[in-house]
Amino acid sequence: MNLTIEEQRRLHRHDIHGLIDAMDIETGNSLGKLADVHREGILLLCEQPCELGQVMQLQLSTKGDVQLPWMEIKVQCRWVGDTNSDGDTPVGCQILDMEAEAFAVLQQLDL
């Protein structure tokens, strides 16, 4: 099921500024960077596009000066955008499972 732009953008987002890397736990491959998060979903900037409907268990870890404990979330790919000039593909994912503490930590990064 594809979400409309209105559905994709109706909730307040917390901009993560690319401070968090996302890795697919099943494959061990890096997916890219977390761009923003809200209570129902995340936006990833992926090095490779994901398949619509794909369910992934992600390990999120910080990079640079920001030091936070790594966390895991389960997501499902809901939409895939066009690859940008940096070679990143925006991928919108619905959060299927995430601890409340993990969301609180991600909200704190909204600079």
Protein backbone atom coordinates (compact mmCIF):
# COMPACT_ATOMS: atom_id res chain seq x y z
CA MET A 1 0.00 0.00 0.00
CA ASN A 2 1.43 3.36 -1.03
CA LEU A 3 0.86 6.34 1.22
CA THR A 4 -0.15 9.70 -0.23
CA ILE A 5 2.07 12.73 0.31
CA GLU A 6 -0.48 13.99 2.84
CA GLU A 7 -0.28 10.71 4.78
CA GLN A 8 3.51 10.76 4.58
CA ARG A 9 3.73 14.28 6.01
CA ARG A 10 0.80 14.64 8.42
CA LEU A 11 2.79 13.99 11.63
CA HIS A 12 5.43 16.17 13.27
CA ARG A 13 8.90 14.96 12.41
CA HIS A 14 12.07 15.14 14.44
CA ASP A 15 14.98 15.94 12.13
CA ILE A 16 17.93 13.67 12.95
CA HIS A 17 20.41 15.41 10.62
CA GLY A 18 22.05 12.16 9.49
CA LEU A 19 23.60 11.52 12.92
CA ILE A 20 22.38 7.93 13.04
CA ASP A 21 23.38 5.04 10.79
CA ALA A 22 20.94 2.23 10.02
CA MET A 23 22.07 -1.36 9.51
CA ASP A 24 19.91 -4.30 8.45
CA ILE A 25 20.47 -6.84 11.24
CA GLU A 26 19.48 -9.82 9.06
CA THR A 27 22.04 -9.09 6.33
CA GLY A 28 24.58 -7.05 8.29
CA ASN A 29 24.54 -4.47 5.49
CA SER A 30 24.51 -0.73 6.06
CA LEU A 31 21.30 0.79 4.68
CA GLY A 32 22.20 4.44 5.08
CA LYS A 33 21.30 7.29 7.43
CA LEU A 34 18.23 8.13 9.48
CA ALA A 35 16.91 11.50 8.28
CA ASP A 36 13.86 12.00 10.50
CA VAL A 37 11.53 10.18 12.84
CA HIS A 38 7.98 10.55 14.13
CA ARG A 39 5.85 8.32 16.34
CA GLU A 40 4.70 6.13 13.41
CA GLY A 41 7.64 6.07 11.03
CA ILE A 42 11.11 7.01 9.91
CA LEU A 43 12.72 8.46 6.81
CA LEU A 44 15.91 6.74 5.72
CA LEU A 45 18.37 8.02 3.15
CA CYS A 46 19.46 4.69 1.72
CA GLU A 47 22.50 3.81 -0.32
CA GLN A 48 20.34 1.22 -2.15
CA PRO A 49 16.55 1.36 -2.58
CA CYS A 50 14.40 -0.96 -0.48
CA GLU A 51 11.47 -2.98 -1.78
CA LEU A 52 7.95 -1.80 -1.00
CA GLY A 53 6.50 -3.88 1.80
CA GLN A 54 9.91 -5.15 2.90
CA VAL A 55 10.12 -5.72 6.67
CA MET A 56 13.50 -5.01 8.26
CA GLN A 57 14.97 -5.24 11.73
CA LEU A 58 17.31 -2.26 11.98
CA GLN A 59 20.14 -1.50 14.33
CA LEU A 60 20.55 2.24 14.77
CA SER A 61 23.87 3.60 15.94
CA THR A 62 25.22 7.11 16.30
CA LYS A 63 28.25 8.54 14.60
CA GLY A 64 30.45 11.55 15.22
CA ASP A 65 30.38 13.34 18.56
CA VAL A 66 26.91 12.13 19.51
CA GLN A 67 27.21 9.04 21.69
CA LEU A 68 24.03 7.14 22.42
CA PRO A 69 23.38 3.46 23.07
CA TRP A 70 22.53 1.53 19.92
CA MET A 71 18.92 0.55 19.52
CA GLU A 72 16.87 -1.80 17.39
CA ILE A 73 13.60 -1.10 15.60
CA LYS A 74 11.43 -3.14 13.26
CA VAL A 75 10.12 -1.26 10.21
CA GLN A 76 8.25 -1.86 6.97
CA CYS A 77 9.08 0.02 3.75
CA ARG A 78 5.99 2.03 2.73
CA TRP A 79 7.35 4.25 -0.07
CA VAL A 80 10.53 4.80 -2.05
CA GLY A 81 11.45 8.18 -3.56
CA ASP A 82 13.75 9.13 -6.39
CA THR A 83 17.51 8.93 -5.86
CA ASN A 84 18.94 12.39 -5.11
CA SER A 85 22.12 14.02 -6.44
CA ASP A 86 24.14 12.55 -3.53
CA GLY A 87 23.14 9.04 -4.60
CA ASP A 88 20.82 8.54 -1.62
CA THR A 89 17.30 7.18 -2.03
CA PRO A 90 14.66 8.45 0.43
CA VAL A 91 12.71 5.54 1.91
CA GLY A 92 9.68 6.01 4.15
CA CYS A 93 9.17 3.24 6.69
CA GLN A 94 6.39 2.50 9.15
CA ILE A 95 7.61 1.56 12.62
CA LEU A 96 6.27 -1.87 13.55
CA ASP A 97 8.14 -2.27 16.85
CA MET A 98 10.18 0.25 18.83
CA GLU A 99 10.69 0.73 22.54
CA ALA A 100 9.34 4.00 23.92
CA GLU A 101 12.78 4.78 25.36
CA ALA A 102 14.31 4.56 21.89
CA PHE A 103 11.82 7.07 20.48
CA ALA A 104 12.51 9.45 23.38
CA VAL A 105 16.24 9.27 22.63
CA LEU A 106 15.65 10.01 18.95
CA GLN A 107 13.43 13.00 19.80
CA GLN A 108 16.29 14.50 21.82
CA LEU A 109 18.38 14.70 18.63
CA ASP A 110 15.87 17.11 17.03
CA LEU A 111 18.22 20.05 16.91
